[in-house]
C-alpha atoms as a PDB file:
ATOM      1  CA  MET A   1      10.742  -8.896  53.863  1.00  0.00           C
ATOM      2  CA  ILE A   2      13.679  -6.549  54.899  1.00  0.00           C
ATOM      3  CA  ARG A   3      17.041  -7.254  54.225  1.00  0.00           C
ATOM      4  CA  ASN A   4      19.914  -6.612  56.917  1.00  0.00           C
ATOM      5  CA  TYR A   5      23.318  -5.429  55.113  1.00  0.00           C
ATOM      6  CA  SER A   6      24.440  -3.439  58.865  1.00  0.00           C
ATOM      7  CA  PRO A   7      26.971  -6.671  59.262  1.00  0.00           C
ATOM      8  CA  ARG A   8      28.643  -5.813  56.048  1.00  0.00           C
ATOM      9  CA  TYR A   9      29.548  -2.400  56.850  1.00  0.00           C
ATOM     10  CA  ALA A  10      29.654  -2.729  60.484  1.00  0.00           C
ATOM     11  CA  GLY A  11      33.204  -2.351  62.269  1.00  0.00           C
ATOM     12  CA  PRO A  12      35.299  -5.443  62.974  1.00  0.00           C
ATOM     13  CA  ALA A  13      35.402  -6.640  66.708  1.00  0.00           C
ATOM     14  CA  GLY A  14      39.038  -7.598  66.113  1.00  0.00           C
ATOM     15  CA  VAL A  15      42.001  -4.899  64.487  1.00  0.00           C
ATOM     16  CA  ARG A  16      41.347  -6.740  60.891  1.00  0.00           C
ATOM     17  CA  GLN A  17      39.042  -4.126  58.645  1.00  0.00           C
ATOM     18  CA  ASN A  18      35.629  -6.001  56.882  1.00  0.00           C
ATOM     19  CA  VAL A  19      36.503  -5.276  52.889  1.00  0.00           C
ATOM     20  CA  CYS A  20      33.939  -5.937  51.037  1.00  0.00           C
ATOM     21  CA  SER A  21      33.841  -9.035  48.651  1.00  0.00           C
ATOM     22  CA  ARG A  22      34.433  -9.456  44.963  1.00  0.00           C
ATOM     23  CA  LYS A  23      31.240 -11.055  44.076  1.00  0.00           C
ATOM     24  CA  TYR A  24      28.811  -7.961  44.714  1.00  0.00           C
ATOM     25  CA  ARG A  25      31.389  -5.278  42.678  1.00  0.00           C
ATOM     26  CA  VAL A  26      30.128  -4.779  39.072  1.00  0.00           C
ATOM     27  CA  SER A  27      33.250  -5.500  36.669  1.00  0.00           C
ATOM     28  CA  ALA A  28      33.626  -2.610  33.871  1.00  0.00           C
ATOM     29  CA  GLY A  29      33.320  -4.530  30.992  1.00  0.00           C
ATOM     30  CA  ARG A  30      30.340  -6.770  31.919  1.00  0.00           C
ATOM     31  CA  GLY A  31      28.281  -3.334  32.711  1.00  0.00           C
ATOM     32  CA  LEU A  32      30.172  -1.631  29.262  1.00  0.00           C
ATOM     33  CA  PHE A  33      28.750  -5.210  27.726  1.00  0.00           C
ATOM     34  CA  TRP A  34      25.027  -4.845  29.101  1.00  0.00           C
ATOM     35  CA  LYS A  35      24.967  -1.282  27.690  1.00  0.00           C
ATOM     36  CA  GLY A  36      25.977  -1.909  23.801  1.00  0.00           C
ATOM     37  CA  VAL A  37      23.758  -4.809  24.516  1.00  0.00           C
ATOM     38  CA  GLY A  38      21.149  -2.065  25.380  1.00  0.00           C
ATOM     39  CA  PHE A  39      21.856   0.257  22.559  1.00  0.00           C
ATOM     40  CA  VAL A  40      21.712  -2.001  20.249  1.00  0.00           C
ATOM     41  CA  ALA A  41      18.661  -2.911  21.440  1.00  0.00           C
ATOM     42  CA  ALA A  42      16.869   0.247  21.518  1.00  0.00           C
ATOM     43  CA  GLY A  43      18.353   1.095  17.834  1.00  0.00           C
ATOM     44  CA  GLY A  44      16.956  -2.035  16.553  1.00  0.00           C
ATOM     45  CA  VAL A  45      13.363  -0.853  17.774  1.00  0.00           C
ATOM     46  CA  ILE A  46      13.085   2.247  16.810  1.00  0.00           C
ATOM     47  CA  PHE A  47      14.604   1.436  13.406  1.00  0.00           C
ATOM     48  CA  ALA A  48      11.638  -1.122  13.625  1.00  0.00           C
ATOM     49  CA  MET A  49       9.109   1.728  14.929  1.00  0.00           C
ATOM     50  CA  LEU A  50      10.675   3.514  11.600  1.00  0.00           C
ATOM     51  CA  GLY A  51       9.882   0.879   9.733  1.00  0.00           C
ATOM     52  CA  SER A  52       6.131  -0.190   9.854  1.00  0.00           C
ATOM     53  CA  LEU A  53       5.370   3.723   9.495  1.00  0.00           C
ATOM     54  CA  TRP A  54       6.898   3.791   6.365  1.00  0.00           C
ATOM     55  CA  PHE A  55       5.391   0.828   4.981  1.00  0.00           C
ATOM     56  CA  GLY A  56       2.285   1.836   6.643  1.00  0.00           C
ATOM     57  CA  SER A  57       2.516   5.352   4.785  1.00  0.00           C
ATOM     58  CA  MET A  58       2.927   2.858   1.661  1.00  0.00           C
ATOM     59  CA  ILE A  59       0.495   0.608   1.936  1.00  0.00           C
ATOM     60  CA  ARG A  60      -1.970   3.762   2.301  1.00  0.00           C
ATOM     61  CA  ASP A  61      -0.614   5.543  -0.767  1.00  0.00           C
ATOM     62  CA  GLY A  62      -1.039   2.673  -2.637  1.00  0.00           C
ATOM     63  CA  LEU A  63      -4.788   1.968  -1.822  1.00  0.00           C
ATOM     64  CA  ARG A  64      -5.619   5.248  -2.404  1.00  0.00           C
ATOM     65  CA  ASP A  65      -4.178   5.479  -5.989  1.00  0.00           C
ATOM     66  CA  LEU A  66      -5.723   1.968  -6.030  1.00  0.00           C
ATOM     67  CA  GLY A  67      -9.189   3.678  -5.343  1.00  0.00           C
ATOM     68  CA  ALA A  68      -8.636   6.551  -7.731  1.00  0.00           C
ATOM     69  CA  ARG A  69      -8.491   4.283 -10.682  1.00  0.00           C
ATOM     70  CA  GLN A  70     -10.947   2.811  -9.749  1.00  0.00           C
ATOM     71  CA  VAL A  71     -13.287   5.547  -9.702  1.00  0.00           C
ATOM     72  CA  HIS A  72     -11.351   6.462 -13.632  1.00  0.00           C
ATOM     73  CA  LEU A  73     -11.377   2.865 -14.416  1.00  0.00           C
ATOM     74  CA  ALA A  74     -15.577   3.216 -14.088  1.00  0.00           C
ATOM     75  CA  GLN A  75     -15.830   6.969 -15.953  1.00  0.00           C
ATOM     76  CA  ALA A  76     -14.146   5.565 -18.728  1.00  0.00           C
ATOM     77  CA  ARG A  77     -16.346   2.339 -19.188  1.00  0.00           C
ATOM     78  CA  ASN A  78     -19.924   4.356 -18.855  1.00  0.00           C
ATOM     79  CA  GLU A  79     -18.033   6.900 -21.282  1.00  0.00           C
ATOM     80  CA  ASN A  80     -16.980   3.940 -23.538  1.00  0.00           C
ATOM     81  CA  SER A  81     -20.045   2.802 -23.343  1.00  0.00           C
ATOM     82  CA  GLY A  82     -22.108   5.710 -24.726  1.00  0.00           C
ATOM     83  CA  LEU A  83     -19.830   6.246 -27.434  1.00  0.00           C
ATOM     84  CA  VAL A  84     -19.910   2.592 -28.243  1.00  0.00           C
ATOM     85  CA  GLN A  85     -23.750   3.129 -28.734  1.00  0.00           C
ATOM     86  CA  GLY A  86     -23.374   6.438 -30.241  1.00  0.00           C
ATOM     87  CA  LYS A  87     -20.865   4.702 -32.953  1.00  0.00           C
ATOM     88  CA  LYS A  88     -24.150   1.981 -33.851  1.00  0.00           C
ATOM     89  CA  GLU A  89     -26.457   4.257 -34.273  1.00  0.00           C
ATOM     90  CA  LEU A  90     -24.471   6.248 -36.584  1.00  0.00           C
ATOM     91  CA  MET A  91     -23.654   2.727 -38.227  1.00  0.00           C
ATOM     92  CA  ALA A  92     -27.418   1.681 -38.844  1.00  0.00           C
ATOM     93  CA  ARG A  93     -27.764   0.590 -42.184  1.00  0.00           C
ATOM     94  CA  GLU A  94     -31.194   2.732 -42.381  1.00  0.00           C
ATOM     95  CA  ARG A  95     -29.583   5.967 -41.422  1.00  0.00           C
ATOM     96  CA  ILE A  96     -26.886   5.198 -44.058  1.00  0.00           C
ATOM     97  CA  GLU A  97     -29.245   4.954 -46.500  1.00  0.00           C
ATOM     98  CA  VAL A  98     -31.430   8.104 -45.949  1.00  0.00           C
ATOM     99  CA  ARG A  99     -28.192  10.011 -45.985  1.00  0.00           C
ATOM    100  CA  ALA A 100     -26.636   8.915 -49.039  1.00  0.00           C
ATOM    101  CA  SER A 101     -30.071   9.007 -51.066  1.00  0.00           C
ATOM    102  CA  LEU A 102     -29.986  12.598 -50.022  1.00  0.00           C
ATOM    103  CA  GLN A 103     -26.476  13.982 -50.551  1.00  0.00           C
ATOM    104  CA  SER A 104     -26.233  11.948 -54.362  1.00  0.00           C
ATOM    105  CA  GLY A 105     -29.602  11.304 -55.229  1.00  0.00           C
ATOM    106  CA  LEU A 106     -30.097   7.872 -55.019  1.00  0.00           C
ATOM    107  CA  TYR A 107     -32.776   5.998 -54.056  1.00  0.00           C
ATOM    108  CA  SER A 108     -33.926   2.408 -53.671  1.00  0.00           C
ATOM    109  CA  PRO A 109     -35.454   0.695 -56.905  1.00  0.00           C
ATOM    110  CA  SER A 110     -38.956   0.324 -57.348  1.00  0.00           C
ATOM    111  CA  ALA A 111     -40.726  -3.043 -57.735  1.00  0.00           C
ATOM    112  CA  GLY A 112     -40.786  -2.793 -61.656  1.00  0.00           C
ATOM    113  CA  GLN A 113     -36.443  -1.793 -61.862  1.00  0.00           C
ATOM    114  CA  LEU A 114     -35.391  -5.172 -59.828  1.00  0.00           C
ATOM    115  CA  ILE A 115     -34.668  -8.026 -62.003  1.00  0.00           C
ATOM    116  CA  GLY A 116     -33.230 -11.210 -61.053  1.00  0.00           C
ATOM    117  CA  PRO A 117     -31.428 -14.104 -62.522  1.00  0.00           C
ATOM    118  CA  HIS A 118     -32.894 -16.228 -65.392  1.00  0.00           C
ATOM    119  CA  PHE A 119     -32.439 -19.300 -65.483  1.00  0.00           C
END
């Protein structure tokens, strides 16, 4: 529906001038207040957007580091299991006896050389 504003601006029927009432005017202080509120709200929105971008990048970096550390940990576990197996092979009793007999000339005693306790 179209409003008719023409009576407001029409010339008076008499000698007096038709003055627009004050209720349609916006005071300067009130407009400045809403501009300030808009400025603060826009600044808050921009700050929130930048904060969320920064927070997201920190989460992405943390997840990337976590993935790299998990890969490194898996490799270290595989290497450790191989080293533990190698240690078990090196510390086997049979291997040590063979090395000792070859290096120092020691051999296991024969059955006639064994002397048990006498009771």
